[in-house]
């Protein structure tokens, strides 16, 4: 895994867990959503166990 979570990088579920991200189940979105602290991470599901990060926003913006 890269030193930090960066846009357009591919991560496995294990990488995301090691980085402290927790999956958030959201029915209305096709993106896979993970949260850590006050950040919300949006991932495309690329294959069985890998995800590509495409956006990060503040948690407050997400829940508005």
Protein backbone atom coordinates (compact mmCIF):
# COMPACT_ATOMS: atom_id res chain seq x y z
CA UNK A 1 0.00 0.00 0.00
CA UNK A 2 1.16 3.55 -0.63
CA UNK A 3 2.35 5.68 2.29
CA UNK A 4 -0.91 7.59 2.25
CA UNK A 5 -4.36 7.29 0.77
CA UNK A 6 -4.25 9.16 -2.55
CA UNK A 7 -6.69 9.71 -5.40
CA UNK A 8 -6.58 7.17 -8.29
CA UNK A 9 -4.65 4.59 -6.28
CA UNK A 10 -5.92 1.00 -5.98
CA UNK A 11 -6.36 -0.50 -2.49
CA UNK A 12 -7.40 -3.87 -1.15
CA UNK A 13 -9.84 -4.21 1.72
CA UNK A 14 -6.89 -5.16 3.94
CA UNK A 15 -5.07 -1.94 2.95
CA UNK A 16 -8.12 0.12 3.85
CA UNK A 17 -8.55 -1.64 7.19
CA UNK A 18 -4.86 -1.07 8.04
CA UNK A 19 -5.31 2.61 7.20
CA UNK A 20 -8.18 2.80 9.70
CA UNK A 21 -11.01 3.22 7.20
CA UNK A 22 -14.39 1.75 8.08
CA UNK A 23 -16.94 0.78 5.44
CA UNK A 24 -20.23 2.66 5.50
CA UNK A 25 -23.20 0.96 3.84
CA UNK A 26 -25.14 3.43 1.71
CA UNK A 27 -27.98 2.08 -0.42
CA UNK A 28 -28.54 5.11 -2.65
CA UNK A 29 -24.99 5.26 -4.06
CA UNK A 30 -23.12 2.81 -6.26
CA UNK A 31 -19.78 3.99 -4.84
CA UNK A 32 -18.19 2.15 -1.94
CA UNK A 33 -17.99 4.56 0.99
CA UNK A 34 -15.42 4.43 3.78
CA UNK A 35 -14.96 6.85 6.67
CA UNK A 36 -12.06 7.78 8.91
CA UNK A 37 -12.22 10.63 11.38
CA UNK A 38 -13.96 13.56 9.72
CA UNK A 39 -13.28 12.40 6.15
CA UNK A 40 -15.48 10.38 3.77
CA UNK A 41 -13.70 8.39 1.04
CA UNK A 42 -15.45 7.35 -2.21
CA UNK A 43 -14.18 4.30 -4.07
CA UNK A 44 -15.00 2.51 -7.33
CA UNK A 45 -15.14 -1.26 -6.93
CA UNK A 46 -12.57 -2.46 -9.50
CA UNK A 47 -12.61 -6.23 -8.90
CA UNK A 48 -13.17 -8.84 -6.18
CA UNK A 49 -11.23 -7.18 -3.40
CA UNK A 50 -9.85 -3.92 -4.82
CA UNK A 51 -11.06 -0.34 -4.79
CA UNK A 52 -9.92 2.86 -6.56
CA UNK A 53 -10.21 6.08 -4.57
CA UNK A 54 -11.79 8.89 -6.60
CA UNK A 55 -12.94 11.46 -4.05
CA UNK A 56 -12.54 12.58 -0.43
CA UNK A 57 -14.84 15.04 1.30
CA UNK A 58 -15.49 16.25 4.82
CA UNK A 59 -18.02 14.12 6.74
CA UNK A 60 -20.20 17.13 7.45
CA UNK A 61 -20.70 17.75 3.72
CA UNK A 62 -21.64 14.11 3.14
CA UNK A 63 -24.35 13.99 5.79
CA UNK A 64 -26.00 17.28 4.77
